């Protein structure tokens, strides 16, 4: 049976890796998810076989039932626009689970002093459990804050304690590590009292809160990736403590992929990961009339004028942002694009890596509306197209289209790679108002001579443009 368990684990790992390879492209992502899910199912079966003689099957079955009951409905019924919140919540559940495993291991071994059968815990069990407890707690509570900000239960702006923020975070980290050291040292001396573990979990949990609270909404895609990486690392550490090969491999895969994605997201924003963790960037708010004290007036347009501009264009590039997600306008955009294509207009979609609230957010929304994957262009591929584009249609995107990132060295986003929307011959921006994006800064694009603003709910505005196109 042990050989069977090992064989099943090897098959599961192979499916994990093969499934992950499928996630590198939108055309194979769904298949990759299914392959990885089958691998996880095999890993669960292998684990159940491994604990066949020691497990409490009533509790195991109850846990499986509860997990399915809590996991399937939100995954099935959550709208694509709320997918970032779901990712944050599920990631938090993973981190919290790892912290609980560490707590259970601590209780089961009486403070890591000895197993029930008299076996002394090894160093890798103690270190793995304590590391998992700290990182799992940080991930759980940090993910809750990320969920709250994405769901707008909490303000998207940075929430902190000013200059005391970093010293407080450092103090919480020191307390967590110190508690872990005491527990480890006392493992060979009768075991540490239970309250040391409680202190560790509480300090790490507060640290998770204090790390994410000061981070603004503009950095949320990076935060989600970072928390995902932390959850993976904590799961791997817990697997080390439990001597569970499946948890070790799966956790390392999640941790490695999350780390790589975090680094890519940070580069896409021209921000270092320490600067993001330090917080303070991205808070929303109302934009002034223009930068530098000069008051300019944005030029409004109508759905009819927008329809005429696009109907007689050779190429239109749609630039989706979070405003499209909030308005759930992706299906309306697809209908409008189909009408334009029927008139001989070439329609492309420019996707910025950090548009929306999670990596790939815009791709997911457009794919839901059955937009062709070939029409979705990444930033590096599409930026050279704008200078020969007749109309760029910006739908709820702010910071990722801000030319100040290229031109204004005083701008907080200077150096951040952005879409060269301002180079198009004509720009139409769909927004509810002149409020700034999550970075909380003004966008000179909105006041440019070749830019016009179509105010209102994005879905209704696109629908009105579509009706005008039908009449042409």
Protein backbone atom coordinates (compact mmCIF):
# COMPACT_ATOMS: atom_id res chain seq x y z
CA UNK A 1 0.00 0.00 0.00
CA UNK A 2 2.89 2.35 0.70
CA UNK A 3 4.19 1.77 -2.82
CA UNK A 4 0.71 2.52 -4.16
CA UNK A 5 0.63 5.80 -2.23
CA UNK A 6 4.01 6.83 -3.64
CA UNK A 7 2.93 5.97 -7.19
CA UNK A 8 -0.26 7.99 -6.80
CA UNK A 9 1.69 10.96 -5.44
CA UNK A 10 4.06 10.84 -8.43
CA UNK A 11 1.10 10.79 -10.82
CA UNK A 12 -0.46 13.72 -8.93
CA UNK A 13 2.75 15.76 -9.13
CA UNK A 14 3.04 15.12 -12.84
CA UNK A 15 -0.53 16.33 -13.34
CA UNK A 16 0.12 19.42 -11.17
CA UNK A 17 3.07 20.42 -13.34
CA UNK A 18 1.35 19.56 -16.62
CA UNK A 19 -1.73 21.49 -15.55
CA UNK A 20 0.39 24.48 -14.58
CA UNK A 21 1.93 24.46 -18.04
CA UNK A 22 -1.57 24.84 -19.44
CA UNK A 23 -2.07 28.05 -17.47
CA UNK A 24 0.58 29.83 -19.54
CA UNK A 25 -1.97 30.60 -22.27
CA UNK A 26 -5.69 31.47 -22.28
CA UNK A 27 -6.52 28.80 -24.86
CA UNK A 28 -5.22 26.00 -22.62
CA UNK A 29 -6.03 27.48 -19.21
CA UNK A 30 -9.34 25.68 -18.68
CA UNK A 31 -7.83 22.34 -19.64
CA UNK A 32 -4.85 23.04 -17.39
CA UNK A 33 -7.17 23.71 -14.46
CA UNK A 34 -8.99 20.44 -15.01
CA UNK A 35 -5.74 18.49 -15.25
CA UNK A 36 -4.43 20.02 -12.02
CA UNK A 37 -7.79 19.37 -10.32
CA UNK A 38 -7.59 15.68 -11.27
CA UNK A 39 -4.08 15.63 -9.84
CA UNK A 40 -5.32 17.10 -6.57
CA UNK A 41 -8.08 14.52 -6.43
CA UNK A 42 -5.52 11.74 -6.84
CA UNK A 43 -3.36 13.32 -4.10
CA UNK A 44 -6.35 13.37 -1.74
CA UNK A 45 -7.08 9.69 -2.44
CA UNK A 46 -3.42 8.82 -1.84
CA UNK A 47 -3.46 10.67 1.48
CA UNK A 48 -6.62 8.89 2.59
CA UNK A 49 -4.94 5.56 1.81
CA UNK A 50 -1.84 6.64 3.76
CA UNK A 51 -3.86 7.38 6.91
CA UNK A 52 -6.13 4.37 6.58
CA UNK A 53 -4.98 2.89 9.90
CA UNK A 54 -4.68 6.06 11.98
CA UNK A 55 -7.29 8.46 10.66
CA UNK A 56 -10.65 9.22 12.25
CA UNK A 57 -12.81 8.52 9.21
CA UNK A 58 -15.88 10.24 10.60
CA UNK A 59 -13.97 13.51 10.97
CA UNK A 60 -12.27 13.05 7.60
CA UNK A 61 -15.56 12.51 5.77
CA UNK A 62 -17.16 15.38 7.67
CA UNK A 63 -14.28 17.65 6.66
CA UNK A 64 -14.58 16.65 3.02
CA UNK A 65 -18.33 17.30 3.02
CA UNK A 66 -17.96 20.68 4.70
CA UNK A 67 -15.16 21.66 2.33
CA UNK A 68 -17.18 20.77 -0.75
CA UNK A 69 -20.27 22.52 0.62
CA UNK A 70 -18.34 25.72 1.32
CA UNK A 71 -16.14 25.66 -1.78
CA UNK A 72 -18.40 24.73 -4.68
CA UNK A 73 -21.25 27.32 -4.40
CA UNK A 74 -19.04 30.45 -4.40
CA UNK A 75 -16.84 29.04 -7.17
CA UNK A 76 -19.91 28.23 -9.26
CA UNK A 77 -22.04 31.32 -8.65
CA UNK A 78 -19.53 34.13 -8.09
CA UNK A 79 -19.63 36.56 -11.01
CA UNK A 80 -16.50 37.08 -13.05
CA UNK A 81 -16.42 40.69 -11.86
CA UNK A 82 -15.98 39.43 -8.28
CA UNK A 83 -13.31 36.86 -9.13
CA UNK A 84 -10.49 38.83 -7.43
CA UNK A 85 -12.42 38.72 -4.14
CA UNK A 86 -12.95 34.97 -4.53
CA UNK A 87 -9.24 34.41 -5.20
CA UNK A 88 -8.34 36.44 -2.10
CA UNK A 89 -10.86 34.53 0.03
CA UNK A 90 -9.77 31.08 -1.15
CA UNK A 91 -6.13 32.01 -0.71
CA UNK A 92 -6.88 33.15 2.84
CA UNK A 93 -8.61 29.85 3.60
CA UNK A 94 -5.44 28.03 2.53
CA UNK A 95 -3.24 30.10 4.81
CA UNK A 96 -5.65 29.76 7.72
CA UNK A 97 -5.79 26.00 7.24
CA UNK A 98 -2.01 25.75 7.42
CA UNK A 99 -1.97 27.80 10.64
CA UNK A 100 -4.58 25.48 12.17
CA UNK A 101 -2.54 22.43 11.13
CA UNK A 102 0.46 23.92 12.94
CA UNK A 103 -1.66 24.56 16.02
CA UNK A 104 -3.03 21.01 15.95
CA UNK A 105 0.49 19.60 15.61
CA UNK A 106 1.58 21.69 18.61
CA UNK A 107 -1.31 20.44 20.73
CA UNK A 108 -0.92 16.83 19.57
CA UNK A 109 2.73 16.74 20.58
CA UNK A 110 2.24 18.62 23.87
CA UNK A 111 4.20 21.67 22.88
CA UNK A 112 6.45 19.69 20.52
CA UNK A 113 7.98 17.89 23.51
CA UNK A 114 7.00 14.33 22.54
CA UNK A 115 4.55 12.39 20.38
CA UNK A 116 1.84 10.30 21.92
CA UNK A 117 3.94 7.21 21.29
CA UNK A 118 6.98 8.68 23.01
CA UNK A 119 8.85 9.76 19.88
CA UNK A 120 10.77 13.02 20.09
CA UNK A 121 9.82 15.43 17.30
CA UNK A 122 12.58 16.09 14.80
CA UNK A 123 13.94 19.51 13.94
CA UNK A 124 12.16 19.60 10.58
CA UNK A 125 8.81 18.96 12.29
CA UNK A 126 9.31 21.78 14.79
CA UNK A 127 10.75 24.31 12.33
CA UNK A 128 8.25 23.40 9.60
CA UNK A 129 5.27 23.77 11.92
CA UNK A 130 6.41 27.09 13.37
CA UNK A 131 7.24 28.55 9.96
CA UNK A 132 3.86 27.39 8.68
CA UNK A 133 2.12 28.96 11.68
CA UNK A 134 3.71 32.37 11.12
CA UNK A 135 3.36 32.55 7.34
CA UNK A 136 -0.08 30.90 7.34
CA UNK A 137 -1.41 33.44 9.85
CA UNK A 138 0.03 36.37 7.89
CA UNK A 139 -1.51 35.03 4.68
CA UNK A 140 -4.94 34.39 6.25
CA UNK A 141 -5.41 37.76 7.89
CA UNK A 142 -3.74 39.64 5.04
CA UNK A 143 -6.07 37.94 2.55
CA UNK A 144 -9.08 38.99 4.62
CA UNK A 145 -8.00 42.62 4.34
CA UNK A 146 -7.41 42.21 0.60
CA UNK A 147 -10.91 40.72 0.29
CA UNK A 148 -12.40 43.61 2.26
CA UNK A 149 -10.72 46.21 0.06
CA UNK A 150 -11.67 44.47 -3.17
CA UNK A 151 -15.26 44.06 -1.98
CA UNK A 152 -15.23 47.72 -0.84
CA UNK A 153 -16.12 46.69 2.69
CA UNK A 154 -12.93 48.54 3.63
CA UNK A 155 -11.68 51.73 1.95
CA UNK A 156 -9.36 51.13 -0.98
CA UNK A 157 -7.06 53.90 0.24
CA UNK A 158 -4.03 53.13 2.43
CA UNK A 159 -4.85 52.74 6.12
CA UNK A 160 -1.87 53.00 8.43
CA UNK A 161 -0.34 54.64 11.47
CA UNK A 162 2.10 56.91 9.70
CA UNK A 163 5.75 56.79 10.69
CA UNK A 164 5.03 54.11 13.30
CA UNK A 165 3.90 51.64 10.62
CA UNK A 166 7.24 50.01 9.83
CA UNK A 167 8.54 49.93 13.44
CA UNK A 168 5.24 48.32 14.49
CA UNK A 169 5.47 45.72 11.74
CA UNK A 170 9.06 44.96 12.72
CA UNK A 171 8.04 44.59 16.39
CA UNK A 172 5.25 42.15 15.47
CA UNK A 173 7.67 40.11 13.35
CA UNK A 174 10.19 40.01 16.22
CA UNK A 175 7.49 38.87 18.66
CA UNK A 176 6.38 36.10 16.27
CA UNK A 177 9.93 34.85 15.68
CA UNK A 178 10.82 35.14 19.38
CA UNK A 179 7.80 33.04 20.33
CA UNK A 180 8.81 30.46 17.72
CA UNK A 181 12.36 30.36 19.13
CA UNK A 182 11.08 29.84 22.68
CA UNK A 183 8.79 27.03 21.53
CA UNK A 184 11.64 25.39 19.64
CA UNK A 185 14.06 25.64 22.55
CA UNK A 186 11.50 24.33 25.05
CA UNK A 187 10.78 21.32 22.82
CA UNK A 188 13.64 19.44 24.48
CA UNK A 189 12.68 20.61 27.95
CA UNK A 190 9.13 19.46 28.59
CA UNK A 191 7.51 21.54 25.86
CA UNK A 192 6.42 25.18 25.79
CA UNK A 193 3.15 26.29 27.43
CA UNK A 194 0.23 26.65 25.05
CA UNK A 195 0.09 30.42 25.34
CA UNK A 196 3.43 30.77 23.52
CA UNK A 197 1.80 29.31 20.42
CA UNK A 198 -1.23 31.56 20.89
CA UNK A 199 1.10 34.57 21.15
CA UNK A 200 2.84 33.51 17.93
CA UNK A 201 -0.44 33.13 16.03
CA UNK A 202 -1.85 36.44 17.34
CA UNK A 203 1.32 38.44 16.60
CA UNK A 204 1.60 36.94 13.11
CA UNK A 205 -2.10 37.56 12.48
CA UNK A 206 -1.86 41.22 13.47
CA UNK A 207 1.23 41.51 11.29
CA UNK A 208 -0.81 40.20 8.34
CA UNK A 209 -3.41 42.89 8.99
CA UNK A 210 -0.87 45.66 9.41
CA UNK A 211 1.04 44.71 6.27
CA UNK A 212 -1.96 44.82 3.92
CA UNK A 213 -3.98 47.68 5.45
CA UNK A 214 -1.52 50.41 4.32
CA UNK A 215 -1.40 49.06 0.76
CA UNK A 216 -3.62 50.95 -1.68
CA UNK A 217 -5.88 49.52 -4.32
CA UNK A 218 -3.42 50.22 -7.14
CA UNK A 219 -1.08 47.58 -5.72
CA UNK A 220 -3.75 44.96 -5.12
CA UNK A 221 -2.82 42.68 -8.07
CA UNK A 222 0.70 42.38 -6.66
CA UNK A 223 -0.61 41.82 -3.13
CA UNK A 224 -2.82 38.94 -4.24
CA UNK A 225 0.14 37.29 -6.00
CA UNK A 226 2.37 37.80 -2.96
CA UNK A 227 -0.17 36.36 -0.52
CA UNK A 228 -0.66 33.42 -2.87
CA UNK A 229 3.09 32.77 -2.79
CA UNK A 230 3.13 32.96 1.01
CA UNK A 231 0.28 30.46 1.28
CA UNK A 232 2.16 28.05 -0.97
CA UNK A 233 5.33 28.33 1.11
CA UNK A 234 3.41 27.80 4.35
CA UNK A 235 1.71 24.72 2.88
CA UNK A 236 5.09 23.31 1.88
CA UNK A 237 6.40 23.89 5.41
CA UNK A 238 3.36 22.17 6.89
CA UNK A 239 3.91 19.26 4.52
CA UNK A 240 7.48 19.03 5.79
CA UNK A 241 6.22 18.86 9.37
CA UNK A 242 3.62 16.22 8.52
CA UNK A 243 5.97 14.29 6.22
CA UNK A 244 3.34 14.67 3.50
CA UNK A 245 5.02 14.68 0.10
CA UNK A 246 1.92 15.98 -1.69
CA UNK A 247 1.76 19.12 0.47
CA UNK A 248 5.48 19.75 0.04
CA UNK A 249 5.42 19.53 -3.76
CA UNK A 250 2.10 21.33 -4.26
CA UNK A 251 3.11 24.06 -1.81
CA UNK A 252 6.44 24.62 -3.53
CA UNK A 253 4.76 24.80 -6.94
CA UNK A 254 2.28 27.39 -5.67
CA UNK A 255 4.99 29.29 -3.82
CA UNK A 256 7.36 29.36 -6.81
CA UNK A 257 4.71 30.33 -9.35
CA UNK A 258 3.28 32.97 -7.00
CA UNK A 259 6.74 34.43 -6.43
CA UNK A 260 7.45 34.61 -10.17
CA UNK A 261 4.07 36.22 -10.83
CA UNK A 262 4.60 38.72 -7.99
CA UNK A 263 7.92 39.73 -9.50
CA UNK A 264 6.37 40.13 -12.96
CA UNK A 265 3.50 42.23 -11.57
CA UNK A 266 5.93 44.46 -9.65
CA UNK A 267 8.01 45.00 -12.79
CA UNK A 268 4.85 45.85 -14.73
CA UNK A 269 4.25 48.66 -12.23
CA UNK A 270 7.91 49.66 -11.98
CA UNK A 271 7.69 49.09 -8.24
CA UNK A 272 9.86 46.99 -5.96
CA UNK A 273 8.19 44.38 -3.79
CA UNK A 274 9.57 45.96 -0.57
CA UNK A 275 8.09 49.30 -1.66
CA UNK A 276 4.71 47.64 -2.21
CA UNK A 277 4.83 45.92 1.19
CA UNK A 278 5.79 49.27 2.73
CA UNK A 279 2.41 50.48 1.46
CA UNK A 280 1.06 53.95 0.94
CA UNK A 281 0.47 53.87 -2.83
CA UNK A 282 -2.97 53.98 -4.39
CA UNK A 283 -5.88 55.48 -2.56
CA UNK A 284 -8.43 56.78 -5.02
CA UNK A 285 -9.97 60.20 -4.66
CA UNK A 286 -11.01 63.04 -6.89
CA UNK A 287 -8.68 64.28 -9.54
CA UNK A 288 -7.96 68.00 -9.88
CA UNK A 289 -8.70 69.82 -13.09
CA UNK A 290 -5.17 69.32 -14.31
CA UNK A 291 -1.67 68.92 -12.99
CA UNK A 292 0.64 71.82 -12.23
CA UNK A 293 -2.21 74.09 -11.09
CA UNK A 294 -3.46 74.76 -14.63
CA UNK A 295 -7.20 74.25 -14.91
CA UNK A 296 -8.34 72.45 -18.05
CA UNK A 297 -11.72 71.31 -19.17
CA UNK A 298 -12.36 67.77 -20.38
CA UNK A 299 -14.31 67.59 -23.62
CA UNK A 300 -17.54 65.57 -23.41
CA UNK A 301 -18.98 63.61 -26.31
CA UNK A 302 -22.15 61.67 -27.10
CA UNK A 303 -22.82 58.06 -27.99
CA UNK A 304 -23.76 59.16 -31.53
CA UNK A 305 -20.46 60.97 -32.10
CA UNK A 306 -18.49 58.06 -30.65
CA UNK A 307 -20.32 55.63 -32.94
CA UNK A 308 -19.58 57.75 -36.02
CA UNK A 309 -15.87 58.00 -35.16
CA UNK A 310 -15.53 54.24 -34.75
CA UNK A 311 -17.76 53.26 -37.67
CA UNK A 312 -15.50 55.09 -40.14
CA UNK A 313 -12.22 53.97 -38.56
CA UNK A 314 -9.85 51.41 -39.99
CA UNK A 315 -8.70 50.18 -36.58
CA UNK A 316 -10.15 50.53 -33.08
CA UNK A 317 -8.30 49.42 -29.96
CA UNK A 318 -10.42 48.78 -26.86
CA UNK A 319 -8.59 49.35 -23.56
CA UNK A 320 -10.53 47.66 -20.72
CA UNK A 321 -10.05 48.52 -17.06
CA UNK A 322 -11.69 48.01 -13.71
CA UNK A 323 -14.57 50.27 -14.75
CA UNK A 324 -15.59 47.67 -17.31
CA UNK A 325 -15.53 44.99 -14.62
CA UNK A 326 -17.65 47.04 -12.21
CA UNK A 327 -20.24 47.80 -14.89
CA UNK A 328 -20.14 44.20 -16.20
CA UNK A 329 -19.88 45.66 -19.66
CA UNK A 330 -17.82 42.90 -21.31
CA UNK A 331 -20.79 41.38 -23.18
CA UNK A 332 -21.92 44.79 -24.40
CA UNK A 333 -18.37 45.48 -25.59
CA UNK A 334 -18.32 42.21 -27.51
CA UNK A 335 -21.63 43.09 -29.22
CA UNK A 336 -20.35 46.53 -30.16
CA UNK A 337 -17.11 45.07 -31.54
CA UNK A 338 -19.05 42.58 -33.65
CA UNK A 339 -20.98 45.44 -35.28
CA UNK A 340 -17.75 47.31 -35.98
CA UNK A 341 -16.13 44.23 -37.50
CA UNK A 342 -19.20 43.75 -39.70
CA UNK A 343 -18.53 47.25 -41.04
CA UNK A 344 -14.94 46.30 -41.85
CA UNK A 345 -13.31 47.87 -38.79
CA UNK A 346 -10.47 45.90 -37.20
CA UNK A 347 -10.98 45.66 -33.41
CA UNK A 348 -8.25 44.75 -30.96
CA UNK A 349 -8.09 44.69 -27.16
CA UNK A 350 -5.08 46.13 -25.30
CA UNK A 351 -4.46 44.32 -22.00
CA UNK A 352 -2.21 45.86 -19.35
CA UNK A 353 -0.69 43.32 -16.92
CA UNK A 354 -2.13 45.04 -13.83
CA UNK A 355 -5.45 46.25 -15.24
CA UNK A 356 -8.22 45.30 -12.84
CA UNK A 357 -7.73 43.80 -9.40
CA UNK A 358 -5.85 40.59 -10.10
CA UNK A 359 -3.45 39.26 -12.73
CA UNK A 360 -5.35 38.39 -15.90
CA UNK A 361 -8.57 40.02 -14.69
CA UNK A 362 -9.38 41.61 -18.05
CA UNK A 363 -8.55 38.43 -19.96
CA UNK A 364 -10.98 36.47 -17.80
CA UNK A 365 -13.81 38.98 -18.33
CA UNK A 366 -13.33 39.20 -22.08
CA UNK A 367 -13.03 35.42 -22.41
CA UNK A 368 -16.36 35.11 -20.57
CA UNK A 369 -17.87 37.29 -23.31
CA UNK A 370 -16.29 34.96 -25.92
CA UNK A 371 -13.87 37.54 -27.23
CA UNK A 372 -11.28 35.82 -29.43
CA UNK A 373 -7.99 35.19 -27.66
CA UNK A 374 -6.18 36.35 -30.80
CA UNK A 375 -7.81 39.77 -30.45
CA UNK A 376 -6.43 40.24 -26.90
CA UNK A 377 -3.02 41.87 -27.18
CA UNK A 378 -0.53 42.16 -24.34
CA UNK A 379 1.00 45.57 -23.67
CA UNK A 380 4.34 44.89 -25.34
CA UNK A 381 2.63 43.60 -28.48
CA UNK A 382 0.06 46.36 -28.85
CA UNK A 383 1.91 49.53 -27.84
CA UNK A 384 3.40 49.88 -31.31
CA UNK A 385 -0.11 49.79 -32.80
CA UNK A 386 -1.52 52.94 -31.19
CA UNK A 387 0.26 55.43 -33.45
CA UNK A 388 -1.56 53.93 -36.44
CA UNK A 389 -4.89 53.49 -34.68
CA UNK A 390 -7.83 55.71 -35.55
CA UNK A 391 -9.75 55.37 -32.28
CA UNK A 392 -8.67 54.10 -28.86
CA UNK A 393 -11.69 53.33 -26.69
CA UNK A 394 -10.74 53.40 -22.99
CA UNK A 395 -13.33 51.74 -20.75
CA UNK A 396 -12.75 52.51 -17.09
CA UNK A 397 -8.93 52.37 -17.23
CA UNK A 398 -7.07 55.17 -15.49
CA UNK A 399 -3.54 54.63 -14.25
CA UNK A 400 -2.52 52.12 -16.95
CA UNK A 401 -3.18 54.76 -19.65
CA UNK A 402 -1.60 57.73 -17.87
CA UNK A 403 1.11 59.33 -20.06
CA UNK A 404 2.57 60.98 -16.95
CA UNK A 405 4.25 57.62 -16.28
CA UNK A 406 6.44 58.37 -19.32
CA UNK A 407 6.70 62.14 -19.20
CA UNK A 408 6.40 63.48 -15.62
CA UNK A 409 9.33 62.59 -13.37
CA UNK A 410 7.43 64.00 -10.39
CA UNK A 411 4.53 61.59 -10.87
CA UNK A 412 4.23 58.72 -8.35
CA UNK A 413 3.87 56.29 -11.26
CA UNK A 414 6.79 57.66 -13.30
CA UNK A 415 8.60 54.78 -14.97
CA UNK A 416 5.60 52.45 -14.82
CA UNK A 417 5.02 50.84 -18.24
CA UNK A 418 1.67 52.09 -19.58
CA UNK A 419 -0.38 51.65 -22.72
CA UNK A 420 0.44 54.32 -25.32
CA UNK A 421 -3.20 55.30 -25.71
CA UNK A 422 -2.33 58.98 -26.11
CA UNK A 423 -0.59 58.18 -29.42
CA UNK A 424 -3.86 57.18 -31.12
CA UNK A 425 -5.38 59.68 -33.53
CA UNK A 426 -8.52 59.92 -31.41
CA UNK A 427 -9.26 58.76 -27.86
CA UNK A 428 -12.69 58.15 -26.34
CA UNK A 429 -12.76 57.57 -22.58
CA UNK A 430 -15.76 55.98 -20.88
CA UNK A 431 -16.00 57.00 -17.21
CA UNK A 432 -18.65 57.73 -14.63
CA UNK A 433 -16.92 60.95 -13.57
CA UNK A 434 -13.56 62.71 -13.54
CA UNK A 435 -12.51 60.89 -10.37
CA UNK A 436 -8.98 59.54 -10.46
CA UNK A 437 -8.02 55.88 -10.44
CA UNK A 438 -6.75 53.85 -7.52
CA UNK A 439 -3.36 55.57 -7.65
CA UNK A 440 -5.19 58.76 -6.70
CA UNK A 441 -3.50 60.92 -9.35
CA UNK A 442 -4.68 62.97 -12.29
CA UNK A 443 -4.50 61.65 -15.86
CA UNK A 444 -3.49 64.31 -18.45
CA UNK A 445 -4.89 62.05 -21.19
CA UNK A 446 -8.42 63.10 -20.20
CA UNK A 447 -7.70 66.75 -21.07
CA UNK A 448 -5.82 66.17 -24.33
CA UNK A 449 -7.15 67.89 -27.46
CA UNK A 450 -7.78 64.58 -29.22
CA UNK A 451 -9.58 63.02 -26.22
CA UNK A 452 -13.31 63.12 -25.59
CA UNK A 453 -15.16 61.80 -22.51
CA UNK A 454 -18.34 59.74 -22.67
CA UNK A 455 -19.69 59.95 -19.13
CA UNK A 456 -21.97 57.37 -17.54
CA UNK A 457 -22.15 53.71 -16.61
CA UNK A 458 -19.88 51.81 -19.00
CA UNK A 459 -22.44 49.15 -19.85
CA UNK A 460 -25.13 51.72 -20.64
CA UNK A 461 -22.70 53.89 -22.60
CA UNK A 462 -21.48 50.98 -24.72
CA UNK A 463 -25.10 49.90 -25.24
CA UNK A 464 -25.99 53.39 -26.44
CA UNK A 465 -23.04 53.38 -28.86
CA UNK A 466 -24.14 49.96 -30.14
CA UNK A 467 -27.64 51.27 -30.86
CA UNK A 468 -26.18 54.21 -32.77
CA UNK A 469 -23.98 51.83 -34.79
CA UNK A 470 -27.03 49.81 -35.76
CA UNK A 471 -28.65 52.97 -37.09
CA UNK A 472 -25.68 53.88 -39.31
